[in-house]
């Protein structure tokens, strides 16, 4: 029997971790990332500093949203 959370939030809305591109940096410390062609808001861990548009970031899905772990390095 699925948990109540799984019944409310279908698994399709909780994809695996991966990368995304930052579309906007918001004044409240969050960013908007591009996921499936749409801009969605994401919270950021403290280690992701100097946030900038076009950063390629590692994201982890959480129920109903995403958390940005950090930017991928370019080296």
Protein backbone atom coordinates (compact mmCIF):
# COMPACT_ATOMS: atom_id res chain seq x y z
CA UNK A 1 0.00 0.00 0.00
CA UNK A 2 1.52 3.39 -0.98
CA UNK A 3 2.13 6.01 1.67
CA UNK A 4 -0.21 8.99 1.84
CA UNK A 5 2.55 11.26 0.47
CA UNK A 6 3.06 8.99 -2.56
CA UNK A 7 -0.68 8.97 -3.17
CA UNK A 8 -0.84 12.79 -3.06
CA UNK A 9 2.40 13.45 -4.99
CA UNK A 10 2.71 11.05 -7.93
CA UNK A 11 6.13 9.55 -8.56
CA UNK A 12 6.26 11.35 -11.91
CA UNK A 13 6.66 14.61 -10.01
CA UNK A 14 9.67 13.23 -8.13
CA UNK A 15 12.29 12.42 -10.81
CA UNK A 16 15.84 11.32 -10.09
CA UNK A 17 18.65 13.75 -9.30
CA UNK A 18 20.49 15.43 -12.12
CA UNK A 19 21.56 18.70 -13.60
CA UNK A 20 19.66 21.85 -14.45
CA UNK A 21 20.44 25.35 -15.72
CA UNK A 22 19.78 28.44 -13.61
CA UNK A 23 17.31 30.73 -15.39
CA UNK A 24 17.03 33.42 -12.68
CA UNK A 25 18.55 34.35 -9.33
CA UNK A 26 15.93 35.60 -6.88
CA UNK A 27 16.35 38.15 -4.10
CA UNK A 28 15.24 35.68 -1.43
CA UNK A 29 18.20 33.33 -2.06
CA UNK A 30 16.33 30.90 -4.29
CA UNK A 31 16.87 30.37 -7.99
CA UNK A 32 14.64 29.41 -10.89
CA UNK A 33 15.93 26.38 -12.80
CA UNK A 34 14.90 24.94 -16.15
CA UNK A 35 13.32 21.51 -15.76
CA UNK A 36 11.58 19.87 -18.70
CA UNK A 37 11.52 23.20 -20.56
CA UNK A 38 9.80 25.07 -17.72
CA UNK A 39 11.21 27.45 -15.12
CA UNK A 40 10.64 26.18 -11.58
CA UNK A 41 11.79 27.63 -8.25
CA UNK A 42 14.47 25.83 -6.26
CA UNK A 43 16.00 26.29 -2.83
CA UNK A 44 19.79 26.31 -2.55
CA UNK A 45 22.19 24.80 -0.05
CA UNK A 46 24.55 27.31 1.61
CA UNK A 47 27.55 25.92 -0.31
CA UNK A 48 26.15 27.23 -3.60
CA UNK A 49 27.43 30.80 -3.45
CA UNK A 50 27.87 33.41 -6.18
CA UNK A 51 24.74 32.18 -7.92
CA UNK A 52 24.44 33.26 -11.55
CA UNK A 53 22.14 32.81 -14.53
CA UNK A 54 23.35 30.02 -16.87
CA UNK A 55 25.10 28.11 -14.06
CA UNK A 56 24.84 24.36 -14.60
CA UNK A 57 23.88 22.98 -11.20
CA UNK A 58 23.37 19.62 -9.51
CA UNK A 59 19.80 19.33 -8.23
CA UNK A 60 18.07 16.85 -5.95
CA UNK A 61 14.30 16.50 -6.11
CA UNK A 62 12.27 16.77 -2.94
CA UNK A 63 8.56 16.29 -2.67
CA UNK A 64 7.05 19.11 -4.65
CA UNK A 65 10.29 20.89 -5.58
CA UNK A 66 14.06 20.87 -6.00
CA UNK A 67 17.14 21.73 -3.96
CA UNK A 68 20.29 22.97 -5.69
CA UNK A 69 23.34 21.31 -4.15
CA UNK A 70 26.05 23.23 -6.01
CA UNK A 71 27.32 24.34 -9.40
CA UNK A 72 29.27 21.92 -11.59
CA UNK A 73 32.87 23.06 -12.00
CA UNK A 74 34.14 24.07 -15.43
CA UNK A 75 37.61 22.56 -14.87
